[in-house]
């Protein structure tokens, strides 16, 4: 595996699976993303700030988030149930209560920022409904 790291992010390329993933953290939040080769190749290059790399990672598909900040009680949202398999190297620990699958489905449908998860969540929901 090939890793790149910054002050508030870490990314990995797994050549065996041709899979790019990344983890970001800060201010009580920890997130996991599936990214593509274009994002991986651009993050952490000379002259790019950690903030720019962090923001670029956030354009990937959001897989998981754990929130423990000052705005309320801690919580976890699992956007893709396969997050641990997709990103086994990440340092994630659930915080507080975990959103139910139903609530997560509603959030994915409602928030434009989570639209990249709609296809996989709808497919999973259809499999369960059958």
C-alpha atoms as a PDB file:
ATOM      1  CA  UNK A   1       0.000   0.000   0.000  1.00  0.00           C
ATOM      2  CA  UNK A   2       1.124   3.518  -0.765  1.00  0.00           C
ATOM      3  CA  UNK A   3       0.318   6.282   1.736  1.00  0.00           C
ATOM      4  CA  UNK A   4       0.355  10.065   1.661  1.00  0.00           C
ATOM      5  CA  UNK A   5      -0.076  12.118   4.834  1.00  0.00           C
ATOM      6  CA  UNK A   6      -0.695  15.660   5.950  1.00  0.00           C
ATOM      7  CA  UNK A   7      -1.475  17.344   9.244  1.00  0.00           C
ATOM      8  CA  UNK A   8      -5.190  16.431   9.256  1.00  0.00           C
ATOM      9  CA  UNK A   9      -5.458  13.758   6.606  1.00  0.00           C
ATOM     10  CA  UNK A  10      -4.035  10.481   5.369  1.00  0.00           C
ATOM     11  CA  UNK A  11      -4.666   8.755   2.046  1.00  0.00           C
ATOM     12  CA  UNK A  12      -3.938   5.275   0.768  1.00  0.00           C
ATOM     13  CA  UNK A  13      -3.641   3.535  -2.573  1.00  0.00           C
ATOM     14  CA  UNK A  14      -4.135  -0.224  -2.428  1.00  0.00           C
ATOM     15  CA  UNK A  15      -2.706  -1.608  -5.701  1.00  0.00           C
ATOM     16  CA  UNK A  16      -4.103  -5.110  -5.082  1.00  0.00           C
ATOM     17  CA  UNK A  17      -7.652  -3.728  -5.210  1.00  0.00           C
ATOM     18  CA  UNK A  18      -6.904  -0.609  -7.280  1.00  0.00           C
ATOM     19  CA  UNK A  19      -8.644   1.315  -4.507  1.00  0.00           C
ATOM     20  CA  UNK A  20      -8.002   4.817  -3.190  1.00  0.00           C
ATOM     21  CA  UNK A  21      -9.258   5.827   0.260  1.00  0.00           C
ATOM     22  CA  UNK A  22      -8.604   8.664   2.677  1.00  0.00           C
ATOM     23  CA  UNK A  23      -9.234   9.673   6.258  1.00  0.00           C
ATOM     24  CA  UNK A  24      -9.582  13.219   7.578  1.00  0.00           C
ATOM     25  CA  UNK A  25      -9.856  14.520  11.127  1.00  0.00           C
ATOM     26  CA  UNK A  26     -10.066  17.672  13.144  1.00  0.00           C
ATOM     27  CA  UNK A  27     -12.119  19.454  15.811  1.00  0.00           C
ATOM     28  CA  UNK A  28     -13.687  16.241  17.073  1.00  0.00           C
ATOM     29  CA  UNK A  29     -14.567  14.867  13.628  1.00  0.00           C
ATOM     30  CA  UNK A  30     -13.168  11.864  11.805  1.00  0.00           C
ATOM     31  CA  UNK A  31     -14.255  10.969   8.266  1.00  0.00           C
ATOM     32  CA  UNK A  32     -13.427   8.282   5.714  1.00  0.00           C
ATOM     33  CA  UNK A  33     -13.716   8.778   1.970  1.00  0.00           C
ATOM     34  CA  UNK A  34     -13.316   6.725  -1.154  1.00  0.00           C
ATOM     35  CA  UNK A  35     -11.348   8.884  -3.565  1.00  0.00           C
ATOM     36  CA  UNK A  36     -10.133   8.387  -7.104  1.00  0.00           C
ATOM     37  CA  UNK A  37      -6.685   8.331  -8.646  1.00  0.00           C
ATOM     38  CA  UNK A  38      -6.993  11.967  -9.726  1.00  0.00           C
ATOM     39  CA  UNK A  39      -7.575  13.139  -6.162  1.00  0.00           C
ATOM     40  CA  UNK A  40      -4.814  10.888  -4.813  1.00  0.00           C
ATOM     41  CA  UNK A  41      -2.306  12.171  -7.358  1.00  0.00           C
ATOM     42  CA  UNK A  42      -3.083  15.817  -6.552  1.00  0.00           C
ATOM     43  CA  UNK A  43      -3.161  15.785  -2.738  1.00  0.00           C
ATOM     44  CA  UNK A  44       0.000  16.549  -0.860  1.00  0.00           C
ATOM     45  CA  UNK A  45       1.939  17.804  -3.864  1.00  0.00           C
ATOM     46  CA  UNK A  46       4.533  20.480  -3.298  1.00  0.00           C
ATOM     47  CA  UNK A  47       2.904  23.865  -2.876  1.00  0.00           C
ATOM     48  CA  UNK A  48      -0.523  22.483  -1.923  1.00  0.00           C
ATOM     49  CA  UNK A  49      -1.618  23.360   1.587  1.00  0.00           C
ATOM     50  CA  UNK A  50      -2.919  20.729   3.986  1.00  0.00           C
ATOM     51  CA  UNK A  51      -6.215  22.597   3.948  1.00  0.00           C
ATOM     52  CA  UNK A  52      -6.460  22.305   0.155  1.00  0.00           C
ATOM     53  CA  UNK A  53      -5.627  18.579   0.306  1.00  0.00           C
ATOM     54  CA  UNK A  54      -8.217  18.100   3.071  1.00  0.00           C
ATOM     55  CA  UNK A  55     -10.877  19.890   1.011  1.00  0.00           C
ATOM     56  CA  UNK A  56     -10.003  17.916  -2.117  1.00  0.00           C
ATOM     57  CA  UNK A  57     -10.394  14.631  -0.216  1.00  0.00           C
ATOM     58  CA  UNK A  58     -13.863  15.789   0.822  1.00  0.00           C
ATOM     59  CA  UNK A  59     -14.926  15.748  -2.833  1.00  0.00           C
ATOM     60  CA  UNK A  60     -14.712  11.942  -2.752  1.00  0.00           C
ATOM     61  CA  UNK A  61     -17.483   9.548  -1.698  1.00  0.00           C
ATOM     62  CA  UNK A  62     -18.111   9.868   2.033  1.00  0.00           C
ATOM     63  CA  UNK A  63     -18.054   6.431   3.700  1.00  0.00           C
ATOM     64  CA  UNK A  64     -18.118   7.155   7.437  1.00  0.00           C
ATOM     65  CA  UNK A  65     -18.131   9.973   9.955  1.00  0.00           C
ATOM     66  CA  UNK A  66     -17.747  10.171  13.712  1.00  0.00           C
ATOM     67  CA  UNK A  67     -18.557  13.519  15.311  1.00  0.00           C
ATOM     68  CA  UNK A  68     -17.669  14.600  18.827  1.00  0.00           C
ATOM     69  CA  UNK A  69     -17.698  18.392  18.830  1.00  0.00           C
ATOM     70  CA  UNK A  70     -19.147  21.135  20.998  1.00  0.00           C
ATOM     71  CA  UNK A  71     -22.441  21.401  19.091  1.00  0.00           C
ATOM     72  CA  UNK A  72     -24.093  18.404  20.763  1.00  0.00           C
ATOM     73  CA  UNK A  73     -23.661  14.825  21.878  1.00  0.00           C
ATOM     74  CA  UNK A  74     -21.274  12.591  19.907  1.00  0.00           C
ATOM     75  CA  UNK A  75     -22.668  10.535  17.048  1.00  0.00           C
ATOM     76  CA  UNK A  76     -21.581   8.274  14.197  1.00  0.00           C
ATOM     77  CA  UNK A  77     -22.972   7.974  10.674  1.00  0.00           C
ATOM     78  CA  UNK A  78     -22.093   4.895   8.613  1.00  0.00           C
ATOM     79  CA  UNK A  79     -22.760   5.881   5.017  1.00  0.00           C
ATOM     80  CA  UNK A  80     -21.321   2.678   3.539  1.00  0.00           C
ATOM     81  CA  UNK A  81     -21.486  -0.478   5.657  1.00  0.00           C
ATOM     82  CA  UNK A  82     -18.321  -1.706   3.937  1.00  0.00           C
ATOM     83  CA  UNK A  83     -16.202   1.207   5.210  1.00  0.00           C
ATOM     84  CA  UNK A  84     -13.982  -1.021   7.379  1.00  0.00           C
ATOM     85  CA  UNK A  85     -13.318  -3.395   4.481  1.00  0.00           C
ATOM     86  CA  UNK A  86     -12.695  -0.549   2.044  1.00  0.00           C
ATOM     87  CA  UNK A  87     -10.417   1.307   4.445  1.00  0.00           C
ATOM     88  CA  UNK A  88      -9.006  -1.181   7.004  1.00  0.00           C
ATOM     89  CA  UNK A  89      -6.000   0.999   7.800  1.00  0.00           C
ATOM     90  CA  UNK A  90      -8.066   3.955   9.082  1.00  0.00           C
ATOM     91  CA  UNK A  91      -8.142   4.873  12.750  1.00  0.00           C
ATOM     92  CA  UNK A  92     -11.901   5.033  13.297  1.00  0.00           C
ATOM     93  CA  UNK A  93     -13.787   4.493  16.507  1.00  0.00           C
ATOM     94  CA  UNK A  94     -17.541   5.093  16.664  1.00  0.00           C
ATOM     95  CA  UNK A  95     -18.599   7.997  18.870  1.00  0.00           C
ATOM     96  CA  UNK A  96     -21.883   8.076  20.790  1.00  0.00           C
ATOM     97  CA  UNK A  97     -24.963   6.685  19.092  1.00  0.00           C
ATOM     98  CA  UNK A  98     -24.891   5.490  15.503  1.00  0.00           C
ATOM     99  CA  UNK A  99     -27.552   6.757  13.099  1.00  0.00           C
ATOM    100  CA  UNK A 100     -30.000   4.015  12.138  1.00  0.00           C
ATOM    101  CA  UNK A 101     -29.901   2.799   8.525  1.00  0.00           C
ATOM    102  CA  UNK A 102     -33.283   4.455   7.955  1.00  0.00           C
ATOM    103  CA  UNK A 103     -32.091   7.827   9.251  1.00  0.00           C
ATOM    104  CA  UNK A 104     -28.880   7.518   7.238  1.00  0.00           C
ATOM    105  CA  UNK A 105     -30.907   6.751   4.089  1.00  0.00           C
ATOM    106  CA  UNK A 106     -32.997   9.875   4.691  1.00  0.00           C
ATOM    107  CA  UNK A 107     -29.886  12.023   5.208  1.00  0.00           C
ATOM    108  CA  UNK A 108     -28.290  10.672   2.025  1.00  0.00           C
ATOM    109  CA  UNK A 109     -31.447  11.438   0.048  1.00  0.00           C
ATOM    110  CA  UNK A 110     -31.815  14.904   1.583  1.00  0.00           C
ATOM    111  CA  UNK A 111     -28.291  16.313   1.599  1.00  0.00           C
ATOM    112  CA  UNK A 112     -26.658  17.132  -1.717  1.00  0.00           C
ATOM    113  CA  UNK A 113     -23.251  16.619  -0.081  1.00  0.00           C
ATOM    114  CA  UNK A 114     -24.036  12.895   0.289  1.00  0.00           C
ATOM    115  CA  UNK A 115     -25.431  12.309  -3.223  1.00  0.00           C
ATOM    116  CA  UNK A 116     -22.497  10.049  -4.144  1.00  0.00           C
ATOM    117  CA  UNK A 117     -23.920   7.467  -1.715  1.00  0.00           C
ATOM    118  CA  UNK A 118     -27.441   7.388  -3.129  1.00  0.00           C
ATOM    119  CA  UNK A 119     -26.844   4.645  -5.694  1.00  0.00           C
ATOM    120  CA  UNK A 120     -25.217   2.170  -3.293  1.00  0.00           C
ATOM    121  CA  UNK A 121     -27.721   2.875  -0.464  1.00  0.00           C
ATOM    122  CA  UNK A 122     -30.731   2.491  -2.807  1.00  0.00           C
ATOM    123  CA  UNK A 123     -29.319  -0.781  -4.144  1.00  0.00           C
ATOM    124  CA  UNK A 124     -28.805  -2.108  -0.624  1.00  0.00           C
ATOM    125  CA  UNK A 125     -32.292  -1.000   0.438  1.00  0.00           C
ATOM    126  CA  UNK A 126     -33.831  -2.760  -2.588  1.00  0.00           C
ATOM    127  CA  UNK A 127     -31.972  -5.978  -1.700  1.00  0.00           C
ATOM    128  CA  UNK A 128     -33.314  -5.848   1.868  1.00  0.00           C
ATOM    129  CA  UNK A 129     -36.879  -5.104   0.703  1.00  0.00           C
ATOM    130  CA  UNK A 130     -36.990  -8.223  -1.513  1.00  0.00           C
END
